[in-house]
Amino acid sequence: MFTAPDFSKKQIVFVLFNEGEKLAFSNDNLVVKDSDGKIKFQCTCYRLFIVFAVGHTSITSALIQKSQKFGFFIALMTPGFRLYSLIGAGKDGNTLLHQKQYLYEGLDIAKHITANKMLNQKQELKNNRNKNEFVKEAIASIDGYISSIENASTLNELMAYEGLASKAYFKNHFNNVEWHGRQPRIKRDYINSTLDIGYTLLFTFVDALLESYGFDTYCGVMHRQFYMRKSLVCDIVEPFRTLIDHEIKKAVNLKQIKEDDFLVFNNQYKLKWSESSRYVKILMKPLMDNKEGIFAYIQSYYRAFMKELSSDDFPIFEIGDN
């Protein structure tokens, strides 16, 4: 497990592979070789936390062994930024933690996480410099949903409040574009498609952190067990989603993200490969800026869960003013 000083020195590396390029290992360095075998990038394995490998490539068994030895992850992603495998430095043997996860059946931690998410949604709307009456109404509505969470007696009731708050939030957050609602994975417009990419990067980063502490990431507290779904990761990303939302809205206003950056196939917006590197820089910025804060949240969550503390003692991640 990482300490905070150790993690602050760790690197997050992105590699977008062109045809014939591959990952390899040489003298305790991770290297990327082009189709002619020439090294185009390298970094020491001692400083790595995760490598996002986007596109079609090949990796060797030696590289997988080294990722486990040096304690870094390799996230394999399609050219469309869909994560299909996370391999490397997971701590699968934390059996005591797994036992506590499997025995937990409460609702209090789920309420805590959901309230944290709503607080950040409300703060993001409050940070809007030009708040019209609709935005002010949405802020008041989210306040009401936060208050209602405490009295929720079932998971379905809690999820209903979460859905209502998100609907009010998204409608007023993306009031700078033509917005028809958040629809995950459908990619019906360029904003939804960009959100999918940003959330996938966030999901993968959080997944790696949780696995580095040995969590069974398929066992959640709010998103309960569902076949092949990493329910705990779905839970823990919730307080951090507004980081991605904020960056996307800012990039749209600055015309860094545009509809022309996408191709449309079967009514789905797909990012042009030529724009991928630029979008990664935009969407990873809030994660890099908050890297240590996200780590501290998950470290505190692990400690609170292991000690079976009250939900009031679980961490809160706040996006802050402006």
Protein backbone atom coordinates (compact mmCIF):
# COMPACT_ATOMS: atom_id res chain seq x y z
CA MET A 1 0.00 0.00 0.00
CA PHE A 2 1.21 3.50 -0.79
CA THR A 3 1.82 6.24 1.72
CA ALA A 4 0.85 9.80 0.77
CA PRO A 5 4.49 10.92 0.24
CA ASP A 6 5.12 7.86 -1.96
CA PHE A 7 2.01 8.43 -4.04
CA SER A 8 2.77 12.12 -4.60
CA LYS A 9 5.87 11.05 -6.54
CA LYS A 10 4.07 8.46 -8.67
CA GLN A 11 3.46 9.14 -12.36
CA ILE A 12 0.39 8.58 -14.51
CA VAL A 13 1.37 7.82 -18.11
CA PHE A 14 -0.80 7.84 -21.23
CA VAL A 15 0.20 6.03 -24.41
CA LEU A 16 -1.98 6.28 -27.53
CA PHE A 17 -0.78 3.51 -29.81
CA ASN A 18 -0.46 3.74 -33.56
CA GLU A 19 -0.21 0.61 -35.71
CA GLY A 20 2.77 -1.59 -34.89
CA GLU A 21 3.72 0.17 -31.64
CA LYS A 22 4.09 -1.83 -28.43
CA LEU A 23 4.94 -1.67 -24.74
CA ALA A 24 8.14 -3.31 -23.55
CA PHE A 25 10.57 -3.39 -20.65
CA SER A 26 14.26 -2.53 -20.58
CA ASN A 27 16.62 -2.02 -17.62
CA ASP A 28 13.86 -1.22 -15.11
CA ASN A 29 12.28 1.16 -17.61
CA LEU A 30 8.94 0.97 -19.34
CA VAL A 31 9.43 1.73 -23.03
CA VAL A 32 7.18 2.33 -26.03
CA LYS A 33 8.59 1.11 -29.33
CA ASP A 34 7.42 2.09 -32.79
CA SER A 35 6.80 -0.32 -35.65
CA ASP A 36 10.54 -0.31 -36.48
CA GLY A 37 11.51 -1.22 -32.91
CA LYS A 38 12.86 2.23 -32.08
CA ILE A 39 12.18 3.66 -28.61
CA LYS A 40 9.88 6.69 -28.76
CA PHE A 41 9.20 6.99 -25.02
CA GLN A 42 10.54 5.56 -21.77
CA CYS A 43 10.19 6.11 -18.01
CA THR A 44 11.46 4.38 -14.88
CA CYS A 45 9.16 1.74 -13.38
CA TYR A 46 10.03 2.94 -9.87
CA ARG A 47 7.94 6.09 -10.37
CA LEU A 48 4.93 4.60 -12.15
CA PHE A 49 1.45 4.25 -10.70
CA ILE A 50 -0.59 3.51 -13.81
CA VAL A 51 -0.10 3.33 -17.57
CA PHE A 52 -3.16 4.00 -19.73
CA ALA A 53 -2.58 2.00 -22.91
CA VAL A 54 -5.11 3.26 -25.47
CA GLY A 55 -5.48 1.50 -28.81
CA HIS A 56 -4.21 -1.76 -30.27
CA THR A 57 -0.89 -3.01 -28.95
CA SER A 58 0.87 -6.08 -27.59
CA ILE A 59 2.46 -6.61 -24.18
CA THR A 60 4.75 -9.36 -22.94
CA SER A 61 4.46 -11.65 -19.94
CA ALA A 62 7.72 -10.12 -18.67
CA LEU A 63 6.06 -6.70 -18.61
CA ILE A 64 3.14 -8.06 -16.57
CA GLN A 65 5.60 -9.61 -14.11
CA LYS A 66 7.45 -6.30 -13.82
CA SER A 67 4.21 -4.39 -13.20
CA GLN A 68 3.56 -6.65 -10.22
CA LYS A 69 7.15 -6.38 -8.99
CA PHE A 70 7.27 -2.58 -9.18
CA GLY A 71 3.66 -2.08 -8.12
CA PHE A 72 2.12 -0.29 -11.10
CA PHE A 73 -1.03 -0.90 -13.12
CA ILE A 74 -1.58 -1.23 -16.86
CA ALA A 75 -5.03 -0.13 -18.04
CA LEU A 76 -5.82 -1.57 -21.46
CA MET A 77 -8.35 0.56 -23.35
CA THR A 78 -9.91 0.47 -26.80
CA PRO A 79 -9.35 3.36 -29.23
CA GLY A 80 -12.77 4.60 -28.05
CA PHE A 81 -11.50 4.76 -24.44
CA ARG A 82 -13.43 1.75 -23.17
CA LEU A 83 -11.55 -0.01 -20.39
CA TYR A 84 -11.40 -3.76 -20.97
CA SER A 85 -8.66 -4.87 -18.57
CA LEU A 86 -6.74 -3.55 -15.57
CA ILE A 87 -3.71 -5.65 -14.75
CA GLY A 88 -0.74 -5.39 -12.44
CA ALA A 89 -0.41 -4.38 -8.82
CA GLY A 90 -3.70 -5.32 -7.16
CA LYS A 91 -3.62 -6.66 -3.58
CA ASP A 92 -5.94 -9.64 -3.98
CA GLY A 93 -4.95 -11.23 -0.67
CA ASN A 94 -6.56 -8.74 1.73
CA THR A 95 -8.98 -11.37 3.00
CA LEU A 96 -9.96 -9.51 6.19
CA LEU A 97 -11.09 -6.54 4.13
CA HIS A 98 -13.05 -8.83 1.81
CA GLN A 99 -14.81 -10.44 4.78
CA LYS A 100 -15.87 -7.03 6.08
CA GLN A 101 -17.13 -6.07 2.62
CA TYR A 102 -19.21 -9.23 2.23
CA LEU A 103 -20.77 -8.88 5.69
CA TYR A 104 -21.71 -5.21 5.32
CA GLU A 105 -25.41 -4.71 4.56
CA GLY A 106 -26.05 -1.19 5.87
CA LEU A 107 -27.26 1.92 4.08
CA ASP A 108 -25.37 4.58 6.04
CA ILE A 109 -22.17 4.62 3.93
CA ALA A 110 -24.22 4.79 0.72
CA LYS A 111 -26.11 7.79 2.16
CA HIS A 112 -22.80 9.43 3.05
CA ILE A 113 -21.37 8.99 -0.45
CA THR A 114 -24.58 10.18 -2.13
CA ALA A 115 -24.79 13.28 0.07
CA ASN A 116 -21.15 14.07 -0.77
CA LYS A 117 -21.93 13.83 -4.48
CA MET A 118 -24.96 16.12 -4.14
CA LEU A 119 -22.97 18.65 -2.08
CA ASN A 120 -20.42 18.90 -4.89
CA GLN A 121 -23.17 19.21 -7.51
CA LYS A 122 -24.73 22.03 -5.49
CA GLN A 123 -21.35 23.74 -5.07
CA GLU A 124 -20.63 23.48 -8.80
CA LEU A 125 -23.92 25.25 -9.54
CA LYS A 126 -23.19 27.86 -6.87
CA ASN A 127 -19.83 28.54 -8.55
CA ASN A 128 -21.72 29.66 -11.66
CA ARG A 129 -21.10 33.40 -11.86
CA ASN A 130 -24.32 34.17 -13.70
CA LYS A 131 -26.97 32.25 -11.78
CA ASN A 132 -30.45 32.66 -13.27
CA GLU A 133 -33.64 31.67 -11.49
CA PHE A 134 -33.50 28.13 -12.89
CA VAL A 135 -30.03 27.58 -11.42
CA LYS A 136 -31.12 28.98 -8.07
CA GLU A 137 -34.14 26.68 -8.07
CA ALA A 138 -31.92 23.69 -8.86
CA ILE A 139 -29.62 24.56 -5.94
CA ALA A 140 -32.60 24.72 -3.61
CA SER A 141 -33.94 21.42 -4.97
CA ILE A 142 -30.62 19.65 -4.41
CA ASP A 143 -30.55 21.05 -0.88
CA GLY A 144 -33.93 19.45 -0.29
CA TYR A 145 -32.79 16.10 -1.66
CA ILE A 146 -29.73 16.17 0.62
CA SER A 147 -32.01 16.70 3.62
CA SER A 148 -34.28 13.86 2.47
CA ILE A 149 -31.45 11.34 2.23
CA GLU A 150 -31.26 10.92 6.00
CA ASN A 151 -34.83 9.59 6.09
CA ALA A 152 -34.38 7.17 3.18
CA SER A 153 -35.14 3.67 4.40
CA THR A 154 -34.33 1.68 1.25
CA LEU A 155 -31.64 1.68 -1.40
CA ASN A 156 -34.23 2.34 -4.11
CA GLU A 157 -35.43 5.43 -2.27
CA LEU A 158 -31.86 6.69 -1.92
CA MET A 159 -31.18 6.10 -5.62
CA ALA A 160 -34.36 7.98 -6.49
CA TYR A 161 -33.15 11.08 -4.63
CA GLU A 162 -29.76 10.75 -6.32
CA GLY A 163 -31.41 10.57 -9.74
CA LEU A 164 -33.60 13.61 -9.11
CA ALA A 165 -30.63 15.66 -7.92
CA SER A 166 -28.55 14.67 -10.94
CA LYS A 167 -31.35 15.57 -13.34
CA ALA A 168 -31.67 19.07 -11.81
CA TYR A 169 -27.89 19.46 -11.77
CA PHE A 170 -27.12 18.44 -15.35
CA LYS A 171 -29.96 20.49 -16.81
CA ASN A 172 -28.54 23.63 -15.25
CA HIS A 173 -24.82 22.85 -15.39
CA PHE A 174 -24.75 22.39 -19.16
CA ASN A 175 -26.90 25.41 -19.89
CA ASN A 176 -24.19 26.65 -22.29
CA VAL A 177 -25.08 23.99 -24.90
CA GLU A 178 -28.16 22.37 -26.36
CA TRP A 179 -28.74 19.70 -23.72
CA HIS A 180 -31.15 16.77 -23.85
CA GLY A 181 -30.08 15.04 -20.65
CA ARG A 182 -27.34 12.75 -19.43
CA GLN A 183 -27.44 9.39 -21.22
CA PRO A 184 -24.46 7.17 -20.38
CA ARG A 185 -22.84 5.17 -23.18
CA ILE A 186 -25.46 6.15 -25.78
CA LYS A 187 -23.22 8.97 -27.08
CA ARG A 188 -26.17 10.83 -28.54
CA ASP A 189 -24.24 14.13 -28.62
CA TYR A 190 -20.66 15.30 -28.26
CA ILE A 191 -21.07 16.39 -24.63
CA ASN A 192 -22.38 13.00 -23.53
CA SER A 193 -19.60 11.30 -25.48
CA THR A 194 -16.97 13.49 -23.81
CA LEU A 195 -18.49 12.81 -20.39
CA ASP A 196 -18.21 9.07 -21.10
CA ILE A 197 -14.49 9.46 -21.84
CA GLY A 198 -13.84 11.63 -18.80
CA TYR A 199 -15.77 9.36 -16.46
CA THR A 200 -13.94 6.30 -17.81
CA LEU A 201 -10.56 7.89 -17.05
CA LEU A 202 -11.79 8.76 -13.55
CA PHE A 203 -13.24 5.25 -13.10
CA THR A 204 -9.97 3.59 -14.09
CA PHE A 205 -7.88 5.80 -11.81
CA VAL A 206 -10.17 5.12 -8.82
CA ASP A 207 -10.30 1.40 -9.68
CA ALA A 208 -6.50 1.18 -9.52
CA LEU A 209 -6.39 2.99 -6.17
CA LEU A 210 -9.04 0.71 -4.68
CA GLU A 211 -7.26 -2.40 -5.95
CA SER A 212 -3.96 -1.17 -4.52
CA TYR A 213 -5.62 -1.35 -1.08
CA GLY A 214 -7.03 -4.80 -1.77
CA PHE A 215 -10.73 -4.02 -2.09
CA ASP A 216 -13.01 -6.42 -3.92
CA THR A 217 -14.11 -3.78 -6.40
CA TYR A 218 -17.14 -5.83 -7.44
CA CYS A 219 -18.68 -5.51 -3.95
CA GLY A 220 -20.30 -2.09 -3.50
CA VAL A 221 -22.26 -0.31 -0.78
CA MET A 222 -24.66 1.64 -3.00
CA HIS A 223 -24.36 -0.06 -6.38
CA ARG A 224 -24.93 -3.56 -5.07
CA GLN A 225 -23.59 -6.75 -6.64
CA PHE A 226 -24.37 -7.19 -10.33
CA TYR A 227 -22.67 -9.64 -12.67
CA MET A 228 -19.28 -8.34 -13.89
CA ARG A 229 -19.91 -4.77 -12.66
CA LYS A 230 -17.27 -3.11 -10.48
CA SER A 231 -19.92 -1.80 -8.12
CA LEU A 232 -17.55 -0.35 -5.50
CA VAL A 233 -15.76 1.72 -8.15
CA CYS A 234 -19.18 2.98 -9.32
CA ASP A 235 -19.76 4.09 -5.72
CA ILE A 236 -16.45 5.78 -5.00
CA VAL A 237 -16.28 7.82 -8.23
CA GLU A 238 -19.50 9.65 -7.33
CA PRO A 239 -18.03 12.53 -5.25
CA PHE A 240 -15.41 13.20 -7.96
CA ARG A 241 -17.63 13.37 -11.04
CA THR A 242 -18.09 17.15 -10.82
CA LEU A 243 -14.35 17.56 -11.47
CA ILE A 244 -14.92 16.17 -14.97
CA ASP A 245 -18.18 18.11 -15.44
CA HIS A 246 -16.48 21.39 -14.57
CA GLU A 247 -13.54 20.83 -16.92
CA ILE A 248 -15.80 19.92 -19.83
CA LYS A 249 -18.00 22.98 -19.43
CA LYS A 250 -14.93 25.22 -19.19
CA ALA A 251 -13.40 23.60 -22.29
CA VAL A 252 -16.64 24.09 -24.23
CA ASN A 253 -16.70 27.77 -23.29
CA LEU A 254 -13.08 28.09 -24.44
CA LYS A 255 -13.94 26.22 -27.67
CA GLN A 256 -11.39 23.53 -26.82
CA ILE A 257 -14.16 20.91 -27.13
CA LYS A 258 -16.31 21.17 -30.26
CA GLU A 259 -18.83 19.10 -32.14
CA ASP A 260 -16.50 19.12 -35.16
CA ASP A 261 -14.02 16.99 -33.20
CA PHE A 262 -16.38 14.01 -33.52
CA LEU A 263 -17.58 11.67 -36.25
CA VAL A 264 -21.15 10.35 -36.21
CA PHE A 265 -21.79 6.64 -36.83
CA ASN A 266 -25.26 5.15 -36.34
CA ASN A 267 -26.31 8.29 -34.44
CA GLN A 268 -23.38 7.95 -32.03
CA TYR A 269 -20.70 10.61 -31.61
CA LYS A 270 -17.19 9.10 -31.73
CA LEU A 271 -14.11 11.21 -31.04
CA LYS A 272 -11.69 11.46 -33.97
CA TRP A 273 -8.48 9.58 -33.24
CA SER A 274 -6.46 12.65 -34.24
CA GLU A 275 -8.10 14.58 -31.37
CA SER A 276 -7.56 11.89 -28.72
CA SER A 277 -4.29 13.20 -27.30
CA ARG A 278 -5.69 16.72 -26.88
CA TYR A 279 -8.85 15.46 -25.16
CA VAL A 280 -6.81 13.29 -22.79
CA LYS A 281 -4.84 16.36 -21.67
CA ILE A 282 -8.04 18.29 -21.03
CA LEU A 283 -9.88 15.52 -19.18
CA MET A 284 -6.90 14.34 -17.12
CA LYS A 285 -6.09 17.83 -15.87
CA PRO A 286 -8.67 17.85 -13.01
CA LEU A 287 -7.56 14.35 -11.98
CA MET A 288 -3.89 15.35 -11.94
CA ASP A 289 -4.69 18.57 -10.07
CA ASN A 290 -6.61 16.55 -7.46
CA LYS A 291 -4.51 13.37 -7.55
CA GLU A 292 -3.40 13.58 -3.94
CA GLY A 293 -6.85 14.57 -2.69
CA ILE A 294 -8.44 11.54 -4.39
CA PHE A 295 -5.73 9.31 -2.93
CA ALA A 296 -6.31 10.74 0.56
CA TYR A 297 -10.06 10.11 0.25
CA ILE A 298 -9.60 6.44 -0.67
CA GLN A 299 -6.92 5.94 1.98
CA SER A 300 -9.28 7.40 4.62
CA TYR A 301 -12.19 5.34 3.27
CA TYR A 302 -10.10 2.17 3.63
CA ARG A 303 -9.11 2.99 7.21
CA ALA A 304 -12.68 3.89 8.22
CA PHE A 305 -14.08 0.74 6.63
CA MET A 306 -11.50 -1.53 8.26
CA LYS A 307 -12.18 0.02 11.68
CA GLU A 308 -15.96 -0.20 11.08
CA LEU A 309 -16.38 3.46 12.00
CA SER A 310 -19.61 5.42 11.87
CA SER A 311 -20.44 6.88 8.46
CA ASP A 312 -19.89 10.34 10.00
CA ASP A 313 -16.20 9.44 10.25
CA PHE A 314 -15.88 8.50 6.58
CA PRO A 315 -14.11 11.02 4.31
CA ILE A 316 -15.72 13.86 2.37
CA PHE A 317 -14.28 15.26 -0.85
CA GLU A 318 -15.15 18.91 -1.42
CA ILE A 319 -14.59 20.73 -4.71
CA GLY A 320 -14.57 24.12 -3.00
CA ASP A 321 -15.48 27.58 -4.23
CA ASN A 322 -14.64 28.55 -7.82
